[in-house]
mmCIF file of all heavy atoms, coordinates in Angstrom:
data_MODEL
# 
_entry.id   MODEL 
# 
loop_
_atom_site.group_PDB 
_atom_site.id 
_atom_site.type_symbol 
_atom_site.label_atom_id 
_atom_site.label_alt_id 
_atom_site.label_comp_id 
_atom_site.label_asym_id 
_atom_site.label_entity_id 
_atom_site.label_seq_id 
_atom_site.pdbx_PDB_ins_code 
_atom_site.Cartn_x 
_atom_site.Cartn_y 
_atom_site.Cartn_z 
_atom_site.occupancy 
_atom_site.B_iso_or_equiv 
_atom_site.pdbx_formal_charge 
_atom_site.auth_seq_id 
_atom_site.auth_comp_id 
_atom_site.auth_asym_id 
_atom_site.auth_atom_id 
_atom_site.pdbx_PDB_model_num 
ATOM 1   N N   . PRO A 1 1  ? -3.222  6.005   -7.476  1.00 0.00 ? 1  PRO A N   1 
ATOM 2   C CA  . PRO A 1 1  ? -3.589  5.282   -8.703  1.00 0.00 ? 1  PRO A CA  1 
ATOM 3   C C   . PRO A 1 1  ? -4.368  3.986   -8.465  1.00 0.00 ? 1  PRO A C   1 
ATOM 4   O O   . PRO A 1 1  ? -5.022  3.486   -9.382  1.00 0.00 ? 1  PRO A O   1 
ATOM 5   C CB  . PRO A 1 1  ? -2.228  4.985   -9.357  1.00 0.00 ? 1  PRO A CB  1 
ATOM 6   C CG  . PRO A 1 1  ? -1.313  6.029   -8.823  1.00 0.00 ? 1  PRO A CG  1 
ATOM 7   C CD  . PRO A 1 1  ? -1.759  6.230   -7.407  1.00 0.00 ? 1  PRO A CD  1 
ATOM 8   N N   . THR A 1 2  ? -4.322  3.446   -7.245  1.00 0.00 ? 2  THR A N   1 
ATOM 9   C CA  . THR A 1 2  ? -5.073  2.220   -6.975  1.00 0.00 ? 2  THR A CA  1 
ATOM 10  C C   . THR A 1 2  ? -6.553  2.490   -6.746  1.00 0.00 ? 2  THR A C   1 
ATOM 11  O O   . THR A 1 2  ? -7.360  1.559   -6.734  1.00 0.00 ? 2  THR A O   1 
ATOM 12  C CB  . THR A 1 2  ? -4.541  1.494   -5.715  1.00 0.00 ? 2  THR A CB  1 
ATOM 13  O OG1 . THR A 1 2  ? -4.861  2.260   -4.541  1.00 0.00 ? 2  THR A OG1 1 
ATOM 14  C CG2 . THR A 1 2  ? -3.043  1.280   -5.789  1.00 0.00 ? 2  THR A CG2 1 
ATOM 15  N N   . SER A 1 3  ? -6.924  3.758   -6.560  1.00 0.00 ? 3  SER A N   1 
ATOM 16  C CA  . SER A 1 3  ? -8.269  4.081   -6.089  1.00 0.00 ? 3  SER A CA  1 
ATOM 17  C C   . SER A 1 3  ? -9.354  3.885   -7.139  1.00 0.00 ? 3  SER A C   1 
ATOM 18  O O   . SER A 1 3  ? -10.537 3.945   -6.815  1.00 0.00 ? 3  SER A O   1 
ATOM 19  C CB  . SER A 1 3  ? -8.306  5.514   -5.550  1.00 0.00 ? 3  SER A CB  1 
ATOM 20  O OG  . SER A 1 3  ? -8.020  6.455   -6.570  1.00 0.00 ? 3  SER A OG  1 
ATOM 21  N N   . ALA A 1 4  ? -8.980  3.661   -8.386  1.00 0.00 ? 4  ALA A N   1 
ATOM 22  C CA  . ALA A 1 4  ? -9.972  3.366   -9.433  1.00 0.00 ? 4  ALA A CA  1 
ATOM 23  C C   . ALA A 1 4  ? -9.382  2.373   -10.421 1.00 0.00 ? 4  ALA A C   1 
ATOM 24  O O   . ALA A 1 4  ? -8.166  2.298   -10.588 1.00 0.00 ? 4  ALA A O   1 
ATOM 25  C CB  . ALA A 1 4  ? -10.398 4.640   -10.158 1.00 0.00 ? 4  ALA A CB  1 
ATOM 26  N N   . TYR A 1 5  ? -10.261 1.604   -11.058 1.00 0.00 ? 5  TYR A N   1 
ATOM 27  C CA  . TYR A 1 5  ? -9.911  0.625   -12.092 1.00 0.00 ? 5  TYR A CA  1 
ATOM 28  C C   . TYR A 1 5  ? -9.133  -0.576  -11.565 1.00 0.00 ? 5  TYR A C   1 
ATOM 29  O O   . TYR A 1 5  ? -8.396  -1.229  -12.298 1.00 0.00 ? 5  TYR A O   1 
ATOM 30  C CB  . TYR A 1 5  ? -9.153  1.304   -13.247 1.00 0.00 ? 5  TYR A CB  1 
ATOM 31  C CG  . TYR A 1 5  ? -9.814  2.578   -13.703 1.00 0.00 ? 5  TYR A CG  1 
ATOM 32  C CD1 . TYR A 1 5  ? -9.222  3.822   -13.508 1.00 0.00 ? 5  TYR A CD1 1 
ATOM 33  C CD2 . TYR A 1 5  ? -11.082 2.543   -14.294 1.00 0.00 ? 5  TYR A CD2 1 
ATOM 34  C CE1 . TYR A 1 5  ? -9.854  4.988   -13.904 1.00 0.00 ? 5  TYR A CE1 1 
ATOM 35  C CE2 . TYR A 1 5  ? -11.725 3.715   -14.688 1.00 0.00 ? 5  TYR A CE2 1 
ATOM 36  C CZ  . TYR A 1 5  ? -11.104 4.940   -14.496 1.00 0.00 ? 5  TYR A CZ  1 
ATOM 37  O OH  . TYR A 1 5  ? -11.746 6.091   -14.867 1.00 0.00 ? 5  TYR A OH  1 
ATOM 38  N N   . GLY A 1 6  ? -9.300  -0.868  -10.288 1.00 0.00 ? 6  GLY A N   1 
ATOM 39  C CA  . GLY A 1 6  ? -8.772  -2.104  -9.731  1.00 0.00 ? 6  GLY A CA  1 
ATOM 40  C C   . GLY A 1 6  ? -7.413  -1.964  -9.074  1.00 0.00 ? 6  GLY A C   1 
ATOM 41  O O   . GLY A 1 6  ? -6.527  -1.273  -9.578  1.00 0.00 ? 6  GLY A O   1 
ATOM 42  N N   . HIS A 1 7  ? -7.249  -2.640  -7.949  1.00 0.00 ? 7  HIS A N   1 
ATOM 43  C CA  . HIS A 1 7  ? -5.956  -2.683  -7.264  1.00 0.00 ? 7  HIS A CA  1 
ATOM 44  C C   . HIS A 1 7  ? -5.054  -3.766  -7.853  1.00 0.00 ? 7  HIS A C   1 
ATOM 45  O O   . HIS A 1 7  ? -3.847  -3.753  -7.610  1.00 0.00 ? 7  HIS A O   1 
ATOM 46  C CB  . HIS A 1 7  ? -6.161  -2.959  -5.774  1.00 0.00 ? 7  HIS A CB  1 
ATOM 47  C CG  . HIS A 1 7  ? -6.807  -1.827  -5.048  1.00 0.00 ? 7  HIS A CG  1 
ATOM 48  N ND1 . HIS A 1 7  ? -6.165  -1.089  -4.074  1.00 0.00 ? 7  HIS A ND1 1 
ATOM 49  C CD2 . HIS A 1 7  ? -8.054  -1.295  -5.148  1.00 0.00 ? 7  HIS A CD2 1 
ATOM 50  C CE1 . HIS A 1 7  ? -6.982  -0.161  -3.607  1.00 0.00 ? 7  HIS A CE1 1 
ATOM 51  N NE2 . HIS A 1 7  ? -8.139  -0.271  -4.241  1.00 0.00 ? 7  HIS A NE2 1 
ATOM 52  N N   . PHE A 1 8  ? -5.649  -4.680  -8.623  1.00 0.00 ? 8  PHE A N   1 
ATOM 53  C CA  . PHE A 1 8  ? -4.897  -5.831  -9.132  1.00 0.00 ? 8  PHE A CA  1 
ATOM 54  C C   . PHE A 1 8  ? -5.003  -5.902  -10.654 1.00 0.00 ? 8  PHE A C   1 
ATOM 55  O O   . PHE A 1 8  ? -5.925  -5.366  -11.271 1.00 0.00 ? 8  PHE A O   1 
ATOM 56  C CB  . PHE A 1 8  ? -5.427  -7.117  -8.499  1.00 0.00 ? 8  PHE A CB  1 
ATOM 57  C CG  . PHE A 1 8  ? -5.460  -7.066  -6.999  1.00 0.00 ? 8  PHE A CG  1 
ATOM 58  C CD1 . PHE A 1 8  ? -6.611  -7.363  -6.291  1.00 0.00 ? 8  PHE A CD1 1 
ATOM 59  C CD2 . PHE A 1 8  ? -4.334  -6.698  -6.284  1.00 0.00 ? 8  PHE A CD2 1 
ATOM 60  C CE1 . PHE A 1 8  ? -6.646  -7.299  -4.910  1.00 0.00 ? 8  PHE A CE1 1 
ATOM 61  C CE2 . PHE A 1 8  ? -4.347  -6.628  -4.899  1.00 0.00 ? 8  PHE A CE2 1 
ATOM 62  C CZ  . PHE A 1 8  ? -5.510  -6.931  -4.209  1.00 0.00 ? 8  PHE A CZ  1 
ATOM 63  N N   . GLY A 1 9  ? -4.012  -6.579  -11.248 1.00 0.00 ? 9  GLY A N   1 
ATOM 64  C CA  . GLY A 1 9  ? -3.987  -6.692  -12.699 1.00 0.00 ? 9  GLY A CA  1 
ATOM 65  C C   . GLY A 1 9  ? -3.358  -5.502  -13.389 1.00 0.00 ? 9  GLY A C   1 
ATOM 66  O O   . GLY A 1 9  ? -3.386  -5.410  -14.620 1.00 0.00 ? 9  GLY A O   1 
ATOM 67  N N   . ARG A 1 10 ? -2.783  -4.600  -12.635 1.00 0.00 ? 10 ARG A N   1 
ATOM 68  C CA  . ARG A 1 10 ? -2.148  -3.403  -13.196 1.00 0.00 ? 10 ARG A CA  1 
ATOM 69  C C   . ARG A 1 10 ? -0.654  -3.667  -13.416 1.00 0.00 ? 10 ARG A C   1 
ATOM 70  O O   . ARG A 1 10 ? -0.075  -4.580  -12.830 1.00 0.00 ? 10 ARG A O   1 
ATOM 71  C CB  . ARG A 1 10 ? -2.339  -2.226  -12.236 1.00 0.00 ? 10 ARG A CB  1 
ATOM 72  C CG  . ARG A 1 10 ? -3.786  -2.032  -11.743 1.00 0.00 ? 10 ARG A CG  1 
ATOM 73  C CD  . ARG A 1 10 ? -4.679  -1.396  -12.765 1.00 0.00 ? 10 ARG A CD  1 
ATOM 74  N NE  . ARG A 1 10 ? -4.354  0.010   -12.922 1.00 0.00 ? 10 ARG A NE  1 
ATOM 75  C CZ  . ARG A 1 10 ? -4.871  0.990   -12.160 1.00 0.00 ? 10 ARG A CZ  1 
ATOM 76  N NH1 . ARG A 1 10 ? -5.701  0.711   -11.176 1.00 0.00 ? 10 ARG A NH1 1 
ATOM 77  N NH2 . ARG A 1 10 ? -4.545  2.251   -12.402 1.00 0.00 ? 10 ARG A NH2 1 
ATOM 78  N N   . LYS A 1 11 ? -0.025  -2.846  -14.222 1.00 0.00 ? 11 LYS A N   1 
ATOM 79  C CA  . LYS A 1 11 ? 1.395   -3.047  -14.501 1.00 0.00 ? 11 LYS A CA  1 
ATOM 80  C C   . LYS A 1 11 ? 2.248   -2.448  -13.382 1.00 0.00 ? 11 LYS A C   1 
ATOM 81  O O   . LYS A 1 11 ? 2.074   -1.283  -13.021 1.00 0.00 ? 11 LYS A O   1 
ATOM 82  C CB  . LYS A 1 11 ? 1.767   -2.395  -15.833 1.00 0.00 ? 11 LYS A CB  1 
ATOM 83  C CG  . LYS A 1 11 ? 1.188   -3.110  -17.036 1.00 0.00 ? 11 LYS A CG  1 
ATOM 84  C CD  . LYS A 1 11 ? 1.657   -2.481  -18.338 1.00 0.00 ? 11 LYS A CD  1 
ATOM 85  C CE  . LYS A 1 11 ? 1.091   -3.230  -19.533 1.00 0.00 ? 11 LYS A CE  1 
ATOM 86  N NZ  . LYS A 1 11 ? 1.532   -2.634  -20.832 1.00 0.00 ? 11 LYS A NZ  1 
ATOM 87  N N   . PRO A 1 12 ? 3.193   -3.232  -12.831 1.00 0.00 ? 12 PRO A N   1 
ATOM 88  C CA  . PRO A 1 12 ? 4.104   -2.659  -11.823 1.00 0.00 ? 12 PRO A CA  1 
ATOM 89  C C   . PRO A 1 12 ? 4.996   -1.609  -12.469 1.00 0.00 ? 12 PRO A C   1 
ATOM 90  O O   . PRO A 1 12 ? 5.474   -1.788  -13.592 1.00 0.00 ? 12 PRO A O   1 
ATOM 91  C CB  . PRO A 1 12 ? 4.908   -3.868  -11.346 1.00 0.00 ? 12 PRO A CB  1 
ATOM 92  C CG  . PRO A 1 12 ? 4.807   -4.863  -12.457 1.00 0.00 ? 12 PRO A CG  1 
ATOM 93  C CD  . PRO A 1 12 ? 3.480   -4.634  -13.119 1.00 0.00 ? 12 PRO A CD  1 
ATOM 94  N N   . LEU A 1 13 ? 5.200   -0.500  -11.775 1.00 0.00 ? 13 LEU A N   1 
ATOM 95  C CA  . LEU A 1 13 ? 5.956   0.615   -12.327 1.00 0.00 ? 13 LEU A CA  1 
ATOM 96  C C   . LEU A 1 13 ? 7.273   0.798   -11.586 1.00 0.00 ? 13 LEU A C   1 
ATOM 97  O O   . LEU A 1 13 ? 7.415   0.400   -10.423 1.00 0.00 ? 13 LEU A O   1 
ATOM 98  C CB  . LEU A 1 13 ? 5.132   1.902   -12.236 1.00 0.00 ? 13 LEU A CB  1 
ATOM 99  C CG  . LEU A 1 13 ? 3.753   1.867   -12.903 1.00 0.00 ? 13 LEU A CG  1 
ATOM 100 C CD1 . LEU A 1 13 ? 3.016   3.182   -12.656 1.00 0.00 ? 13 LEU A CD1 1 
ATOM 101 C CD2 . LEU A 1 13 ? 3.874   1.588   -14.396 1.00 0.00 ? 13 LEU A CD2 1 
ATOM 102 N N   . THR A 1 14 ? 8.229   1.416   -12.248 1.00 0.00 ? 14 THR A N   1 
ATOM 103 C CA  . THR A 1 14 ? 9.526   1.659   -11.621 1.00 0.00 ? 14 THR A CA  1 
ATOM 104 C C   . THR A 1 14 ? 9.404   2.637   -10.453 1.00 0.00 ? 14 THR A C   1 
ATOM 105 O O   . THR A 1 14 ? 10.282  2.715   -9.609  1.00 0.00 ? 14 THR A O   1 
ATOM 106 C CB  . THR A 1 14 ? 10.527  2.225   -12.648 1.00 0.00 ? 14 THR A CB  1 
ATOM 107 O OG1 . THR A 1 14 ? 9.964   3.407   -13.253 1.00 0.00 ? 14 THR A OG1 1 
ATOM 108 C CG2 . THR A 1 14 ? 10.812  1.210   -13.740 1.00 0.00 ? 14 THR A CG2 1 
ATOM 109 N N   . THR A 1 15 ? 8.308   3.391   -10.407 1.00 0.00 ? 15 THR A N   1 
ATOM 110 C CA  . THR A 1 15 ? 8.060   4.320   -9.308  1.00 0.00 ? 15 THR A CA  1 
ATOM 111 C C   . THR A 1 15 ? 7.641   3.601   -8.027  1.00 0.00 ? 15 THR A C   1 
ATOM 112 O O   . THR A 1 15 ? 7.499   4.224   -6.982  1.00 0.00 ? 15 THR A O   1 
ATOM 113 C CB  . THR A 1 15 ? 6.952   5.308   -9.697  1.00 0.00 ? 15 THR A CB  1 
ATOM 114 O OG1 . THR A 1 15 ? 5.803   4.561   -10.127 1.00 0.00 ? 15 THR A OG1 1 
ATOM 115 C CG2 . THR A 1 15 ? 7.397   6.221   -10.825 1.00 0.00 ? 15 THR A CG2 1 
ATOM 116 N N   . GLY A 1 16 ? 7.421   2.284   -8.108  1.00 0.00 ? 16 GLY A N   1 
ATOM 117 C CA  . GLY A 1 16 ? 6.998   1.511   -6.945  1.00 0.00 ? 16 GLY A CA  1 
ATOM 118 C C   . GLY A 1 16 ? 5.517   1.208   -6.918  1.00 0.00 ? 16 GLY A C   1 
ATOM 119 O O   . GLY A 1 16 ? 5.055   0.416   -6.094  1.00 0.00 ? 16 GLY A O   1 
ATOM 120 N N   . HIS A 1 17 ? 4.752   1.818   -7.816  1.00 0.00 ? 17 HIS A N   1 
ATOM 121 C CA  . HIS A 1 17 ? 3.322   1.551   -7.866  1.00 0.00 ? 17 HIS A CA  1 
ATOM 122 C C   . HIS A 1 17 ? 3.059   0.113   -8.325  1.00 0.00 ? 17 HIS A C   1 
ATOM 123 O O   . HIS A 1 17 ? 3.724   -0.396  -9.227  1.00 0.00 ? 17 HIS A O   1 
ATOM 124 C CB  . HIS A 1 17 ? 2.630   2.514   -8.832  1.00 0.00 ? 17 HIS A CB  1 
ATOM 125 C CG  . HIS A 1 17 ? 2.704   3.954   -8.412  1.00 0.00 ? 17 HIS A CG  1 
ATOM 126 N ND1 . HIS A 1 17 ? 3.808   4.746   -8.670  1.00 0.00 ? 17 HIS A ND1 1 
ATOM 127 C CD2 . HIS A 1 17 ? 1.831   4.737   -7.735  1.00 0.00 ? 17 HIS A CD2 1 
ATOM 128 C CE1 . HIS A 1 17 ? 3.588   5.958   -8.178  1.00 0.00 ? 17 HIS A CE1 1 
ATOM 129 N NE2 . HIS A 1 17 ? 2.404   5.984   -7.607  1.00 0.00 ? 17 HIS A NE2 1 
ATOM 130 N N   . PHE A 1 18 ? 2.098   -0.531  -7.679  1.00 0.00 ? 18 PHE A N   1 
ATOM 131 C CA  . PHE A 1 18 ? 1.655   -1.893  -8.026  1.00 0.00 ? 18 PHE A CA  1 
ATOM 132 C C   . PHE A 1 18 ? 2.798   -2.909  -7.956  1.00 0.00 ? 18 PHE A C   1 
ATOM 133 O O   . PHE A 1 18 ? 2.902   -3.824  -8.771  1.00 0.00 ? 18 PHE A O   1 
ATOM 134 C CB  . PHE A 1 18 ? 0.990   -1.902  -9.418  1.00 0.00 ? 18 PHE A CB  1 
ATOM 135 C CG  . PHE A 1 18 ? -0.157  -0.942  -9.529  1.00 0.00 ? 18 PHE A CG  1 
ATOM 136 C CD1 . PHE A 1 18 ? -0.013  0.267   -10.202 1.00 0.00 ? 18 PHE A CD1 1 
ATOM 137 C CD2 . PHE A 1 18 ? -1.369  -1.230  -8.934  1.00 0.00 ? 18 PHE A CD2 1 
ATOM 138 C CE1 . PHE A 1 18 ? -1.070  1.167   -10.286 1.00 0.00 ? 18 PHE A CE1 1 
ATOM 139 C CE2 . PHE A 1 18 ? -2.428  -0.336  -8.996  1.00 0.00 ? 18 PHE A CE2 1 
ATOM 140 C CZ  . PHE A 1 18 ? -2.286  0.865   -9.683  1.00 0.00 ? 18 PHE A CZ  1 
ATOM 141 N N   . SER A 1 19 ? 3.631   -2.768  -6.943  1.00 0.00 ? 19 SER A N   1 
ATOM 142 C CA  . SER A 1 19 ? 4.757   -3.693  -6.760  1.00 0.00 ? 19 SER A CA  1 
ATOM 143 C C   . SER A 1 19 ? 4.287   -5.121  -6.530  1.00 0.00 ? 19 SER A C   1 
ATOM 144 O O   . SER A 1 19 ? 5.015   -6.083  -6.833  1.00 0.00 ? 19 SER A O   1 
ATOM 145 C CB  . SER A 1 19 ? 5.617   -3.233  -5.576  1.00 0.00 ? 19 SER A CB  1 
ATOM 146 O OG  . SER A 1 19 ? 4.827   -3.158  -4.391  1.00 0.00 ? 19 SER A OG  1 
ATOM 147 N N   . TRP A 1 20 ? 3.062   -5.289  -6.013  1.00 0.00 ? 20 TRP A N   1 
ATOM 148 C CA  . TRP A 1 20 ? 2.512   -6.623  -5.743  1.00 0.00 ? 20 TRP A CA  1 
ATOM 149 C C   . TRP A 1 20 ? 2.127   -7.359  -7.031  1.00 0.00 ? 20 TRP A C   1 
ATOM 150 O O   . TRP A 1 20 ? 1.747   -8.519  -6.978  1.00 0.00 ? 20 TRP A O   1 
ATOM 151 C CB  . TRP A 1 20 ? 1.307   -6.513  -4.812  1.00 0.00 ? 20 TRP A CB  1 
ATOM 152 C CG  . TRP A 1 20 ? 0.304   -5.480  -5.249  1.00 0.00 ? 20 TRP A CG  1 
ATOM 153 C CD1 . TRP A 1 20 ? -0.799  -5.674  -6.030  1.00 0.00 ? 20 TRP A CD1 1 
ATOM 154 C CD2 . TRP A 1 20 ? 0.329   -4.079  -4.934  1.00 0.00 ? 20 TRP A CD2 1 
ATOM 155 N NE1 . TRP A 1 20 ? -1.464  -4.491  -6.223  1.00 0.00 ? 20 TRP A NE1 1 
ATOM 156 C CE2 . TRP A 1 20 ? -0.802  -3.492  -5.565  1.00 0.00 ? 20 TRP A CE2 1 
ATOM 157 C CE3 . TRP A 1 20 ? 1.183   -3.274  -4.186  1.00 0.00 ? 20 TRP A CE3 1 
ATOM 158 C CZ2 . TRP A 1 20 ? -1.090  -2.124  -5.462  1.00 0.00 ? 20 TRP A CZ2 1 
ATOM 159 C CZ3 . TRP A 1 20 ? 0.898   -1.917  -4.092  1.00 0.00 ? 20 TRP A CZ3 1 
ATOM 160 C CH2 . TRP A 1 20 ? -0.227  -1.361  -4.714  1.00 0.00 ? 20 TRP A CH2 1 
ATOM 161 N N   . GLU A 1 21 ? 2.260   -6.689  -8.166  1.00 0.00 ? 21 GLU A N   1 
ATOM 162 C CA  . GLU A 1 21 ? 1.998   -7.338  -9.448  1.00 0.00 ? 21 GLU A CA  1 
ATOM 163 C C   . GLU A 1 21 ? 3.261   -7.915  -10.087 1.00 0.00 ? 21 GLU A C   1 
ATOM 164 O O   . GLU A 1 21 ? 3.205   -8.507  -11.173 1.00 0.00 ? 21 GLU A O   1 
ATOM 165 C CB  . GLU A 1 21 ? 1.322   -6.354  -10.409 1.00 0.00 ? 21 GLU A CB  1 
ATOM 166 C CG  . GLU A 1 21 ? -0.084  -5.956  -9.996  1.00 0.00 ? 21 GLU A CG  1 
ATOM 167 C CD  . GLU A 1 21 ? -1.063  -7.127  -9.986  1.00 0.00 ? 21 GLU A CD  1 
ATOM 168 O OE1 . GLU A 1 21 ? -1.051  -7.922  -10.945 1.00 0.00 ? 21 GLU A OE1 1 
ATOM 169 O OE2 . GLU A 1 21 ? -1.824  -7.260  -9.006  1.00 0.00 ? 21 GLU A OE2 1 
ATOM 170 N N   . LYS A 1 22 ? 4.388   -7.758  -9.444  1.00 0.00 ? 22 LYS A N   1 
ATOM 171 C CA  . LYS A 1 22 ? 5.628   -8.334  -9.970  1.00 0.00 ? 22 LYS A CA  1 
ATOM 172 C C   . LYS A 1 22 ? 5.583   -9.863  -9.882  1.00 0.00 ? 22 LYS A C   1 
ATOM 173 O O   . LYS A 1 22 ? 4.919   -10.430 -9.011  1.00 0.00 ? 22 LYS A O   1 
ATOM 174 C CB  . LYS A 1 22 ? 6.836   -7.821  -9.184  1.00 0.00 ? 22 LYS A CB  1 
ATOM 175 C CG  . LYS A 1 22 ? 7.126   -6.343  -9.376  1.00 0.00 ? 22 LYS A CG  1 
ATOM 176 C CD  . LYS A 1 22 ? 8.358   -5.939  -8.580  1.00 0.00 ? 22 LYS A CD  1 
ATOM 177 C CE  . LYS A 1 22 ? 8.689   -4.463  -8.766  1.00 0.00 ? 22 LYS A CE  1 
ATOM 178 N NZ  . LYS A 1 22 ? 9.888   -4.068  -7.981  1.00 0.00 ? 22 LYS A NZ  1 
ATOM 179 N N   . THR A 1 23 ? 6.314   -10.507 -10.765 1.00 0.00 ? 23 THR A N   1 
ATOM 180 C CA  . THR A 1 23 ? 6.411   -11.973 -10.740 1.00 0.00 ? 23 THR A CA  1 
ATOM 181 C C   . THR A 1 23 ? 7.854   -12.398 -10.464 1.00 0.00 ? 23 THR A C   1 
ATOM 182 O O   . THR A 1 23 ? 8.388   -13.313 -11.082 1.00 0.00 ? 23 THR A O   1 
ATOM 183 C CB  . THR A 1 23 ? 5.914   -12.573 -12.075 1.00 0.00 ? 23 THR A CB  1 
ATOM 184 O OG1 . THR A 1 23 ? 6.601   -11.942 -13.161 1.00 0.00 ? 23 THR A OG1 1 
ATOM 185 C CG2 . THR A 1 23 ? 4.420   -12.368 -12.240 1.00 0.00 ? 23 THR A CG2 1 
ATOM 186 N N   . ASP A 1 24 ? 8.472   -11.721 -9.507  1.00 0.00 ? 24 ASP A N   1 
ATOM 187 C CA  . ASP A 1 24 ? 9.885   -11.966 -9.221  1.00 0.00 ? 24 ASP A CA  1 
ATOM 188 C C   . ASP A 1 24 ? 10.125  -13.124 -8.257  1.00 0.00 ? 24 ASP A C   1 
ATOM 189 O O   . ASP A 1 24 ? 11.262  -13.386 -7.873  1.00 0.00 ? 24 ASP A O   1 
ATOM 190 C CB  . ASP A 1 24 ? 10.555  -10.695 -8.700  1.00 0.00 ? 24 ASP A CB  1 
ATOM 191 C CG  . ASP A 1 24 ? 9.802   -10.058 -7.529  1.00 0.00 ? 24 ASP A CG  1 
ATOM 192 O OD1 . ASP A 1 24 ? 8.799   -10.643 -7.070  1.00 0.00 ? 24 ASP A OD1 1 
ATOM 193 O OD2 . ASP A 1 24 ? 10.214  -8.971  -7.076  1.00 0.00 ? 24 ASP A OD2 1 
ATOM 194 N N   . LEU A 1 25 ? 9.061   -13.831 -7.862  1.00 0.00 ? 25 LEU A N   1 
ATOM 195 C CA  . LEU A 1 25 ? 9.236   -15.036 -7.044  1.00 0.00 ? 25 LEU A CA  1 
ATOM 196 C C   . LEU A 1 25 ? 9.187   -16.318 -7.881  1.00 0.00 ? 25 LEU A C   1 
ATOM 197 O O   . LEU A 1 25 ? 9.367   -17.412 -7.334  1.00 0.00 ? 25 LEU A O   1 
ATOM 198 C CB  . LEU A 1 25 ? 8.145   -15.119 -5.972  1.00 0.00 ? 25 LEU A CB  1 
ATOM 199 C CG  . LEU A 1 25 ? 8.266   -14.230 -4.736  1.00 0.00 ? 25 LEU A CG  1 
ATOM 200 C CD1 . LEU A 1 25 ? 7.138   -14.558 -3.766  1.00 0.00 ? 25 LEU A CD1 1 
ATOM 201 C CD2 . LEU A 1 25 ? 9.607   -14.398 -4.053  1.00 0.00 ? 25 LEU A CD2 1 
ATOM 202 N N   . VAL A 1 26 ? 8.951   -16.183 -9.173  1.00 0.00 ? 26 VAL A N   1 
ATOM 203 C CA  . VAL A 1 26 ? 8.750   -17.367 -10.015 1.00 0.00 ? 26 VAL A CA  1 
ATOM 204 C C   . VAL A 1 26 ? 9.942   -18.310 -9.967  1.00 0.00 ? 26 VAL A C   1 
ATOM 205 O O   . VAL A 1 26 ? 9.795   -19.521 -9.748  1.00 0.00 ? 26 VAL A O   1 
ATOM 206 C CB  . VAL A 1 26 ? 8.429   -16.943 -11.463 1.00 0.00 ? 26 VAL A CB  1 
ATOM 207 C CG1 . VAL A 1 26 ? 8.527   -18.136 -12.408 1.00 0.00 ? 26 VAL A CG1 1 
ATOM 208 C CG2 . VAL A 1 26 ? 7.036   -16.333 -11.540 1.00 0.00 ? 26 VAL A CG2 1 
# 
């Protein structure tokens, strides 16, 4: 799913996709 429409700015999913978009360090 990262291969098109950007690797960043996507919604993190419970499946583990786009985990780097989480804001759990705030």
